[in-house]
Protein backbone atom coordinates (compact mmCIF):
# COMPACT_ATOMS: atom_id res chain seq x y z
CA MET A 1 61.63 -70.99 -59.96
CA PHE A 2 60.47 -73.95 -58.36
CA ARG A 3 61.52 -72.76 -55.00
CA SER A 4 59.93 -69.61 -55.39
CA ALA A 5 56.45 -71.31 -56.15
CA ARG A 6 56.47 -73.45 -53.16
CA TYR A 7 57.42 -70.58 -51.21
CA SER A 8 54.38 -68.68 -52.71
CA LYS A 9 52.20 -71.63 -52.13
CA ALA A 10 53.40 -71.70 -48.23
CA ASN A 11 52.70 -68.08 -48.04
CA SER A 12 49.31 -68.41 -49.37
CA LYS A 13 48.56 -71.56 -46.51
CA SER A 14 49.63 -69.13 -43.99
CA LYS A 15 47.41 -66.65 -45.58
CA GLY A 16 44.40 -68.81 -45.58
CA ILE A 17 44.69 -69.94 -41.90
CA ARG A 18 44.71 -66.27 -40.88
CA LYS A 19 41.51 -65.83 -42.28
CA GLU A 20 40.53 -68.35 -40.89
CA VAL A 21 41.50 -67.82 -37.74
CA TYR A 22 40.25 -64.21 -37.88
CA ALA A 23 36.67 -65.64 -38.95
CA TYR A 24 36.51 -67.43 -36.16
CA LYS A 25 37.54 -65.40 -33.53
CA LYS A 26 34.87 -63.09 -35.07
CA ARG A 27 32.27 -65.53 -34.68
CA ILE A 28 32.93 -65.60 -31.18
CA LYS A 29 32.94 -62.27 -30.19
CA ILE A 30 29.61 -62.18 -31.60
CA ILE A 31 28.67 -65.19 -30.46
CA SER A 32 29.89 -63.56 -26.39
CA ILE A 33 27.98 -60.32 -27.49
CA ILE A 34 25.08 -61.92 -28.37
CA VAL A 35 25.25 -64.29 -24.92
CA THR A 36 26.04 -61.08 -22.74
CA PHE A 37 22.74 -58.89 -24.28
CA VAL A 38 20.76 -62.17 -22.99
CA ILE A 39 21.83 -62.40 -20.10
CA VAL A 40 21.70 -58.48 -19.22
CA PHE A 41 18.57 -59.05 -21.00
CA PHE A 42 17.33 -61.65 -18.40
CA LEU A 43 18.64 -59.81 -15.43
CA VAL A 44 16.64 -56.54 -16.64
CA ALA A 45 13.50 -58.62 -17.05
CA LEU A 46 13.96 -60.38 -13.30
CA ALA A 47 14.76 -57.21 -11.80
CA LEU A 48 11.65 -55.64 -13.27
CA TYR A 49 9.51 -58.20 -12.01
CA TYR A 50 11.03 -57.77 -8.65
CA PHE A 51 10.18 -54.36 -8.34
CA THR A 52 6.97 -54.31 -9.46
CA THR A 53 5.77 -57.25 -7.13
CA HIS A 54 7.39 -56.34 -4.09
CA PHE A 55 7.16 -52.22 -4.17
CA THR A 56 3.70 -52.08 -5.38
CA PRO A 57 0.89 -51.34 -3.42
CA LEU A 58 -1.18 -54.26 -2.79
CA ASN A 59 -4.76 -54.77 -2.95
CA TYR A 60 -5.71 -55.58 0.66
CA PRO A 61 -8.97 -57.44 0.98
CA THR A 62 -10.63 -55.60 3.66
CA ASN A 63 -14.38 -56.68 3.31
CA GLU A 64 -16.16 -59.43 5.12
CA ASP A 65 -16.19 -61.55 2.04
CA GLY A 66 -12.46 -61.03 1.08
CA SER A 67 -13.15 -59.18 -1.86
CA ASN A 68 -10.56 -56.06 -2.83
CA SER A 69 -11.60 -52.42 -2.28
CA ASN A 70 -9.36 -49.73 -3.15
CA ASP A 71 -11.24 -47.19 -1.27
CA SER A 72 -10.51 -48.56 2.28
CA PRO A 73 -6.61 -48.48 3.67
CA PRO A 74 -5.59 -52.06 5.07
CA LYS A 75 -6.10 -52.72 8.74
CA ALA A 76 -3.91 -53.37 11.35
CA ALA A 77 -4.75 -54.60 15.18
CA LEU A 78 -2.80 -53.30 18.31
CA ILE A 79 -4.14 -56.50 20.72
CA ASP A 80 -2.81 -54.99 23.94
CA ALA A 81 -3.47 -57.40 27.25
CA LEU A 82 -1.13 -55.78 29.54
CA TYR A 83 -3.22 -52.14 29.75
CA THR A 84 -5.24 -53.38 32.52
CA THR A 85 -1.81 -53.94 34.72
CA PHE A 86 0.57 -52.11 32.83
CA PRO A 87 -0.60 -49.11 30.66
CA ASN A 88 1.30 -47.44 28.64
CA LYS A 89 -0.62 -44.37 26.23
CA ASN A 90 2.64 -43.20 24.85
CA PHE A 91 3.31 -46.88 23.26
CA THR A 92 -0.61 -47.47 22.17
CA ARG A 93 -0.36 -43.33 21.06
CA SER A 94 3.05 -43.73 18.83
CA ILE A 95 2.01 -47.07 17.74
CA ASN A 96 -1.53 -45.57 16.36
CA GLU A 97 0.55 -42.63 14.58
CA THR A 98 3.14 -44.69 12.98
CA LEU A 99 0.48 -46.70 11.10
CA CYS A 100 -2.17 -44.09 10.52
CA ALA A 101 0.93 -42.21 8.31
CA ALA A 102 1.40 -45.68 6.84
CA GLY A 103 -1.69 -45.90 5.85
CA PHE A 104 -3.35 -48.02 8.34
CA LYS A 105 -6.87 -48.10 9.73
CA VAL A 106 -5.78 -49.24 12.95
CA ASP A 107 -8.33 -50.64 15.40
CA VAL A 108 -6.89 -51.25 19.50
CA PHE A 109 -7.84 -53.36 21.96
CA GLN A 110 -6.93 -53.49 25.34
CA GLY A 111 -7.17 -55.02 28.47
CA ASN A 112 -10.28 -56.96 29.62
CA ASP A 113 -11.23 -57.22 25.95
CA VAL A 114 -8.63 -59.45 25.04
CA THR A 115 -9.67 -62.71 26.50
CA VAL A 116 -9.11 -66.51 25.50
CA GLU A 117 -12.45 -66.33 23.44
CA PHE A 118 -11.82 -62.93 21.49
CA LEU A 119 -8.22 -64.69 20.09
CA LYS A 120 -10.30 -67.34 19.37
CA LYS A 121 -12.08 -65.40 17.02
CA LEU A 122 -10.26 -62.74 15.99
CA PRO A 123 -11.97 -60.86 13.27
CA ILE A 124 -10.60 -61.33 9.23
CA GLY A 125 -8.84 -59.00 6.95
CA TYR A 126 -5.71 -57.70 9.25
CA LYS A 127 -2.83 -57.15 7.43
CA LEU A 128 -0.82 -56.87 10.55
CA ILE A 129 -1.35 -57.38 14.06
CA ILE A 130 0.59 -56.08 16.97
CA LEU A 131 0.64 -57.75 20.24
CA ARG A 132 1.67 -56.53 23.53
CA MET A 133 1.15 -59.58 26.10
CA HIS A 134 3.11 -61.62 27.79
CA SER A 135 4.25 -65.44 26.04
CA ALA A 136 6.21 -68.51 26.73
CA LEU A 137 7.76 -70.61 24.57
CA ALA A 138 7.39 -74.62 25.49
CA ALA A 139 9.79 -77.68 25.23
CA ASN A 140 8.24 -78.54 21.63
CA ASN A 141 8.40 -74.69 20.99
CA GLN A 142 4.27 -74.00 20.86
CA LEU A 143 4.02 -70.38 21.45
CA TYR A 144 1.50 -69.67 24.55
CA LEU A 145 -0.13 -66.10 24.89
CA PHE A 146 -1.54 -64.91 27.96
CA THR A 147 -4.41 -63.09 27.95
CA ALA A 148 -5.37 -60.33 30.88
CA GLU A 149 -8.77 -62.63 31.45
CA PRO A 150 -8.63 -64.24 34.69
CA CYS A 151 -8.17 -67.95 35.41
CA ASP A 152 -11.15 -69.68 35.55
CA ASN A 153 -10.32 -73.27 37.05
CA GLU A 154 -14.30 -74.10 36.53
CA ARG A 155 -14.32 -73.34 33.11
CA LEU A 156 -11.09 -75.31 32.82
CA LEU A 157 -12.43 -78.56 33.93
CA ARG A 158 -15.58 -78.20 31.98
CA ASN A 159 -13.15 -77.96 28.87
CA THR A 160 -11.33 -81.09 29.70
C-alpha cells in the first residue's frame, strides 16, 4: 500500500506540472495573438495614413495671397529659352496637352520673354516648372541657367 500511495502522489505531481505547462502555453498563445493584432492594426493605420496623404488631391495655393482655391486647377509653367534658336513646337504642344490632361493650367514663356530679370521675378503659385534651356554645373555644384537674353557687357560692369 505504501508503494501505491507513493505512485499516486508522483502521478498527481506530473498531472499538476502538465496543467501548469498547458496553462503557460495557453497564456503565451493568447499574448502572441494580441501582439499580432496590435502589429497588424498599426500597419493598417500606417498604410491608411500613407495612402490618404500621398494619393489624394491636394488643395493647391493658386491665388496671389497664397490662399487655397478649390475652383482653380494647379498651375504649371513651361519656360523655353531655346525657342528663339531651336524652336520645337511639337515639344511645346505635347507638354501642354499632357499637363492639361493631368488637370494643370499651363503658362508658356518662350524665347525673348525668358530673361534674367524674368527668372529672378518668376511668379509664385506654380506647382510644376519645366525648364527648356541650356545649363551648366560649376565645380562647386552650383547650377547656372542660360537665358535667351543677349549678354550686355555694360550692364554686367555696372552690377559688379
